[in-house]
Protein backbone atom coordinates (compact mmCIF):
# COMPACT_ATOMS: atom_id res chain seq x y z
CA MET A 1 9.15 -8.27 6.62
CA ASN A 2 12.41 -10.21 7.02
CA GLY A 3 11.13 -12.63 9.67
CA GLN A 4 12.80 -10.72 12.49
CA MET A 5 10.67 -9.05 15.13
CA PRO A 6 10.99 -5.22 14.93
CA ASP A 7 12.28 -3.33 17.97
CA PHE A 8 9.02 -2.36 19.68
CA GLY A 9 10.41 -2.35 23.23
CA GLU A 10 8.85 -4.76 25.67
CA LYS A 11 5.66 -5.37 23.65
CA PRO A 12 5.17 -7.18 20.31
CA TYR A 13 3.69 -4.06 18.76
CA ARG A 14 4.53 -0.36 18.54
CA SER A 15 2.74 0.85 21.66
CA LEU A 16 1.90 4.47 22.44
CA ASP A 17 3.47 4.13 25.89
CA VAL A 18 6.86 3.14 24.47
CA GLU A 19 6.63 5.73 21.71
CA LEU A 20 5.97 8.55 24.20
CA ARG A 21 8.84 7.38 26.44
CA ARG A 22 11.15 7.50 23.43
CA ARG A 23 9.89 10.93 22.48
CA TYR A 24 9.88 12.59 25.91
CA GLY A 25 12.22 10.41 27.95
CA GLU A 26 9.58 9.75 30.61
CA LYS A 27 6.13 8.27 31.22
CA ILE A 28 3.40 10.50 29.78
CA TYR A 29 -0.32 10.30 30.60
CA LYS A 30 -3.29 11.90 28.90
CA VAL A 31 -5.74 14.18 30.71
CA SER A 32 -9.17 13.99 29.06
CA LEU A 33 -10.87 17.34 28.57
CA ASN A 34 -14.30 18.56 27.56
CA GLY A 35 -14.34 21.57 25.26
CA ARG A 36 -18.14 22.02 25.41
CA MET A 37 -18.52 20.92 21.81
CA THR A 38 -21.38 19.32 19.98
CA CYS A 39 -21.43 17.37 16.71
CA PRO A 40 -23.07 17.78 13.27
CA ASN A 41 -24.70 14.42 13.97
CA ARG A 42 -26.42 15.94 17.00
CA ASP A 43 -27.13 19.61 16.33
CA GLY A 44 -29.38 18.95 13.32
CA THR A 45 -26.80 19.57 10.59
CA LEU A 46 -26.65 15.86 9.74
CA GLY A 47 -28.92 14.45 12.42
CA THR A 48 -29.97 14.74 16.05
CA ARG A 49 -29.25 11.31 17.55
CA GLY A 50 -25.54 10.95 16.87
CA CYS A 51 -23.80 7.80 15.71
CA ILE A 52 -25.77 4.78 16.90
CA PHE A 53 -23.04 3.63 19.32
CA CYS A 54 -22.39 7.05 20.87
CA SER A 55 -23.58 7.70 24.43
CA ALA A 56 -25.03 10.99 25.63
CA GLY A 57 -21.48 11.93 26.67
CA GLY A 58 -20.31 11.95 23.06
CA SER A 59 -17.61 9.33 23.63
CA GLY A 60 -16.27 11.53 26.41
CA ASP A 61 -17.74 9.72 29.40
CA PHE A 62 -14.39 9.94 31.19
CA ALA A 63 -13.59 13.52 30.15
CA GLY A 64 -13.39 16.52 32.44
CA ASP A 65 -16.22 18.64 33.80
CA PRO A 66 -17.43 20.99 31.03
CA PHE A 67 -18.39 23.59 33.62
CA LEU A 68 -14.73 24.03 34.56
CA SER A 69 -12.19 26.00 32.57
CA VAL A 70 -9.60 24.08 30.56
CA THR A 71 -6.95 24.83 33.19
CA GLU A 72 -9.24 23.70 36.00
CA GLN A 73 -10.04 20.49 34.12
CA ILE A 74 -6.33 19.78 33.65
CA GLU A 75 -5.68 20.24 37.36
CA ALA A 76 -8.67 18.06 38.31
CA GLN A 77 -7.63 15.30 35.88
CA LYS A 78 -4.02 15.42 37.09
CA GLU A 79 -4.87 14.93 40.75
CA PRO A 80 -5.82 11.22 40.76
CA LEU A 81 -2.89 10.37 38.47
CA LEU A 82 -0.39 12.15 40.71
CA ARG A 83 -1.69 10.19 43.71
CA LYS A 84 -0.86 6.91 41.95
CA PHE A 85 2.12 7.56 39.70
CA PRO A 86 5.34 9.64 39.69
CA VAL A 87 4.26 11.46 36.54
CA LYS A 88 5.38 14.98 35.63
CA HIS A 89 3.97 15.80 32.22
CA PHE A 90 0.75 15.20 30.32
CA ILE A 91 -0.95 15.39 26.94
CA ALA A 92 -4.14 17.46 26.84
CA TYR A 93 -6.74 15.26 25.14
CA PHE A 94 -9.93 16.96 23.95
CA GLN A 95 -12.14 13.88 23.88
CA ALA A 96 -15.86 14.60 24.16
CA TYR A 97 -17.91 15.08 20.96
CA THR A 98 -16.30 16.73 17.88
CA ASN A 99 -13.47 18.97 19.02
CA THR A 100 -12.95 21.06 15.90
CA TYR A 101 -16.67 21.74 15.45
CA GLY A 102 -16.80 25.39 16.47
CA PRO A 103 -15.66 28.90 15.56
CA VAL A 104 -11.92 29.03 15.00
CA GLU A 105 -11.62 31.88 17.53
CA TYR A 106 -13.09 29.68 20.26
CA LEU A 107 -10.92 26.72 19.28
CA GLU A 108 -7.82 28.90 19.38
CA ARG A 109 -8.71 30.10 22.88
CA ILE A 110 -9.23 26.69 24.47
CA PHE A 111 -6.39 24.93 22.65
CA THR A 112 -3.96 27.74 23.46
CA GLU A 113 -4.99 27.61 27.12
CA ALA A 114 -4.29 23.88 27.16
CA ILE A 115 -0.84 23.98 25.57
CA GLY A 116 0.07 27.01 27.69
CA HIS A 117 -0.15 24.90 30.85
CA PRO A 118 3.43 24.20 32.03
CA ASP A 119 2.78 20.47 32.58
CA ILE A 120 1.28 19.90 29.12
CA VAL A 121 3.74 18.65 26.49
CA GLY A 122 1.31 18.04 23.65
CA LEU A 123 -2.24 18.35 22.38
CA SER A 124 -4.51 15.55 21.11
CA ILE A 125 -7.80 16.45 19.45
CA ALA A 126 -10.58 13.96 18.66
CA THR A 127 -12.75 15.03 15.75
CA ARG A 128 -14.49 14.08 12.50
CA PRO A 129 -12.93 14.32 9.02
CA ASP A 130 -15.83 16.51 7.85
CA CYS A 131 -15.13 19.11 10.55
CA LEU A 132 -11.70 20.33 9.47
CA PRO A 133 -12.14 23.49 7.37
CA PRO A 134 -8.97 25.22 6.08
CA GLU A 135 -8.96 27.89 8.79
CA THR A 136 -9.06 25.22 11.51
CA LEU A 137 -6.28 23.25 9.83
CA ASP A 138 -4.20 26.42 9.69
CA LEU A 139 -4.80 26.99 13.41
CA LEU A 140 -3.69 23.45 14.25
CA GLN A 141 -0.57 23.91 12.12
CA ARG A 142 0.33 27.08 14.08
CA LEU A 143 -0.23 25.36 17.42
CA ASN A 144 1.88 22.43 16.25
CA SER A 145 4.84 24.80 15.99
CA LEU A 146 4.49 25.49 19.73
CA LYS A 147 3.84 21.97 21.04
CA PRO A 148 3.10 18.73 19.16
CA VAL A 149 -0.51 18.42 17.98
CA THR A 150 -2.12 15.07 17.13
CA VAL A 151 -5.51 14.86 15.40
CA GLU A 152 -7.65 11.77 15.99
CA LEU A 153 -10.20 10.98 13.27
CA GLY A 154 -13.25 8.78 13.87
CA LEU A 155 -13.38 6.46 10.87
CA GLN A 156 -14.62 3.19 12.48
CA THR A 157 -14.81 1.32 9.15
CA ILE A 158 -14.12 1.78 5.44
CA HIS A 159 -17.34 0.02 4.40
CA GLU A 160 -20.10 2.36 3.29
CA ARG A 161 -22.89 -0.06 4.17
CA THR A 162 -21.70 -0.17 7.79
CA ALA A 163 -21.10 3.59 7.81
CA ALA A 164 -24.74 4.10 6.79
CA LEU A 165 -25.93 1.72 9.50
CA ILE A 166 -23.97 3.49 12.26
CA ARG A 167 -24.90 6.93 10.84
CA ARG A 168 -21.31 8.08 10.43
CA GLY A 169 -22.45 10.85 8.12
CA TYR A 170 -19.56 11.26 5.67
CA PRO A 171 -18.09 9.23 2.77
CA LEU A 172 -14.72 7.49 2.82
CA GLU A 173 -13.34 10.01 0.35
CA CYS A 174 -13.79 12.73 2.99
CA PHE A 175 -11.59 10.78 5.38
CA ARG A 176 -8.87 10.33 2.78
CA ASP A 177 -8.93 14.04 1.89
CA SER A 178 -8.71 15.03 5.56
CA VAL A 179 -5.72 12.79 6.21
CA ARG A 180 -3.98 14.31 3.20
CA ALA A 181 -4.71 17.86 4.41
CA LEU A 182 -3.47 17.10 7.93
CA ARG A 183 -0.26 15.52 6.69
CA GLU A 184 0.41 18.39 4.29
CA ARG A 185 0.50 20.60 7.39
CA GLY A 186 2.75 18.22 9.31
CA LEU A 187 0.07 17.13 11.76
CA GLU A 188 0.29 13.65 13.26
CA THR A 189 -2.86 11.67 12.48
CA VAL A 190 -4.48 8.86 14.48
CA VAL A 191 -7.49 6.86 13.28
CA HIS A 192 -10.28 5.39 15.42
CA THR A 193 -11.64 2.01 14.29
CA ILE A 194 -14.24 -0.25 15.91
CA LEU A 195 -13.98 -4.04 15.84
CA GLY A 196 -17.22 -5.99 16.08
CA LEU A 197 -19.56 -3.59 14.30
CA PRO A 198 -22.91 -5.21 13.43
CA TYR A 199 -22.76 -7.62 10.48
CA GLU A 200 -19.09 -6.95 9.64
CA THR A 201 -17.03 -10.05 8.92
CA ARG A 202 -13.41 -10.75 9.78
CA GLU A 203 -12.56 -10.05 6.14
CA ASP A 204 -14.33 -6.67 6.37
CA VAL A 205 -12.21 -5.69 9.36
CA TYR A 206 -8.98 -6.82 7.70
CA ALA A 207 -9.91 -4.81 4.61
CA THR A 208 -10.11 -1.69 6.80
CA MET A 209 -6.61 -2.41 8.14
CA LYS A 210 -5.25 -2.94 4.63
CA TYR A 211 -6.79 0.33 3.47
CA LEU A 212 -5.26 2.23 6.37
CA ASN A 213 -1.83 0.83 5.53
CA GLY A 214 -2.15 2.79 2.30
CA CYS A 215 -2.90 6.04 4.14
CA ASP A 216 -0.28 8.28 5.71
CA ILE A 217 -1.39 7.71 9.32
CA GLN A 218 0.87 7.58 12.34
CA GLY A 219 -1.39 5.86 14.87
CA ILE A 220 -4.54 3.80 15.31
CA LYS A 221 -7.04 3.02 18.06
CA LEU A 222 -8.50 -0.48 17.84
CA GLN A 223 -11.71 -0.18 19.82
CA LEU A 224 -13.97 -3.02 20.89
CA LEU A 225 -17.63 -2.31 20.11
CA HIS A 226 -19.47 -1.43 23.31
CA VAL A 227 -23.27 -1.53 23.47
CA LEU A 228 -24.27 1.23 25.87
CA LYS A 229 -27.62 1.96 27.49
CA GLY A 230 -29.64 4.75 25.92
CA THR A 231 -28.10 4.36 22.45
CA ASP A 232 -29.76 3.30 19.23
CA LEU A 233 -27.19 0.52 19.08
CA ALA A 234 -28.67 -0.87 22.30
CA ASP A 235 -32.13 -0.80 20.69
CA LEU A 236 -30.77 -2.61 17.62
CA TYR A 237 -29.13 -5.23 19.83
CA GLU A 238 -32.34 -5.79 21.77
CA THR A 239 -34.45 -6.20 18.64
CA THR A 240 -32.05 -8.18 16.44
CA GLY A 241 -29.57 -9.81 18.82
CA PHE A 242 -26.71 -9.19 16.38
CA HIS A 243 -23.55 -11.10 17.23
CA ILE A 244 -21.34 -9.68 19.99
CA LEU A 245 -17.74 -10.87 19.97
CA SER A 246 -16.66 -13.18 22.77
CA GLU A 247 -13.37 -12.43 24.47
CA ASP A 248 -11.61 -15.21 22.54
CA GLU A 249 -13.07 -13.99 19.25
CA TYR A 250 -12.00 -10.43 19.96
CA VAL A 251 -8.46 -11.38 20.93
CA ASP A 252 -8.10 -13.48 17.78
CA LEU A 253 -9.50 -10.72 15.55
CA LEU A 254 -7.36 -8.05 17.20
CA ILE A 255 -4.17 -10.05 16.79
CA GLY A 256 -5.08 -10.56 13.13
CA CYS A 257 -5.33 -6.78 12.77
CA LEU A 258 -1.98 -6.22 14.46
CA GLU A 259 -0.34 -8.79 12.22
CA ARG A 260 -1.61 -6.94 9.15
CA LEU A 261 -0.96 -3.35 10.22
CA SER A 262 2.21 -1.62 9.13
CA PRO A 263 4.87 -1.85 11.87
CA ALA A 264 5.34 1.91 11.48
CA VAL A 265 1.87 2.62 12.90
CA THR A 266 1.71 3.30 16.65
CA ILE A 267 -1.03 1.41 18.51
CA HIS A 268 -2.87 3.83 20.78
CA ARG A 269 -5.55 1.42 22.02
CA LEU A 270 -6.21 -2.32 22.02
CA THR A 271 -9.70 -2.51 23.51
CA GLY A 272 -11.27 0.55 25.15
CA ASP A 273 -13.42 1.38 28.16
CA GLY A 274 -17.18 1.26 28.57
CA PRO A 275 -18.70 2.90 31.66
CA ALA A 276 -19.83 0.07 33.95
CA ASP A 277 -23.16 1.73 34.70
CA LEU A 278 -23.96 2.06 30.96
CA LEU A 279 -22.49 -1.13 29.51
CA VAL A 280 -24.99 -3.61 28.09
CA ALA A 281 -22.49 -5.84 26.28
CA PRO A 282 -19.97 -7.37 26.23
CA GLN A 283 -19.69 -7.65 29.99
CA TRP A 284 -16.33 -9.40 29.76
CA SER A 285 -14.80 -6.11 28.59
CA LEU A 286 -15.09 -4.69 32.12
CA ARG A 287 -12.06 -6.84 33.02
CA LYS A 288 -9.79 -4.60 30.97
CA ARG A 289 -6.48 -5.56 32.57
CA ALA A 290 -7.31 -9.27 32.22
CA VAL A 291 -8.22 -8.75 28.56
CA LEU A 292 -4.93 -6.95 27.87
CA ASN A 293 -3.05 -9.75 29.61
CA HIS A 294 -4.95 -12.24 27.45
CA ILE A 295 -3.91 -10.37 24.29
CA HIS A 296 -0.26 -10.20 25.29
CA HIS A 297 -0.16 -13.84 26.41
CA GLU A 298 -1.72 -15.02 23.14
CA MET A 299 0.67 -12.97 21.02
CA LYS A 300 3.60 -14.45 22.93
CA ALA A 301 2.22 -17.98 22.57
CA ARG A 302 1.79 -17.51 18.82
CA GLN A 303 5.17 -15.78 18.52
CA THR A 304 3.52 -13.07 16.51
CA TRP A 305 4.02 -9.32 16.28
CA GLN A 306 2.69 -6.25 14.55
CA GLY A 307 3.24 -6.25 10.81
CA ARG A 308 4.03 -9.97 10.53
CA LEU A 309 1.62 -10.30 7.59
CA TYR A 310 2.04 -6.71 6.38
CA GLN A 311 2.73 -6.32 2.69
CA ARG A 312 3.50 -3.03 1.00
């Protein structure tokens, strides 16, 4: 870095909102869809209880109604957005569970239906690195020639001890191989991480950021750990009382991550949402707008920006 703040638009980091405006020339929203998937951590292949932080909704608590068709879900998800904003186009986001975990013929049908919708300009697919066989990768490459396809991989952490605790179910090498395979096919890759995982230190989190700087990723989601009712994480919290980040601690840790991340990486998320009726902790996270304002205010006060401490 040369000491000059990069051109990120109005924010001190490369935000998804600004990136999409640059790409499409207008505001773009995501519509969250449910493809009726399951997960190898739930169907007995690897386990039956999922990752310890995952709710019964498979991280898709805000996704569409699985009993509706993909087109019907898109229309239903569009409606509340159109009432509030002058938006014209959307990205179809398959969010719930593992969205490449199924027969390729089924995946082709639902993904093609989504990108065939006239208001959809791109496809975003949340999945696991261990659920991307060659035939599925080939399908995504074909779809990417029609409309842009982004694949979101749930990594959470690079540390194997934490991965075992949260029951991630695959080694770090699998993640690295999947990123390489996606990029070889020209597919944009976004990584999900969680800040505040039990017993991880600040240095552990920064090590994950440093590792990701060495991967060919285009985006990242920095997710605050949410303890949700009915999860094994909630049971662990009740029995051990592991440390939950305060708002100030989270903001400080998050800014440290942004300072260390490559300025070429687009930031897709700074905190995340936990359903109010399921959230055990931290309760301060329900004030999402206030938390985002806190982050932006603190970055301005520190005169810091994404990549300030980044070293190649």
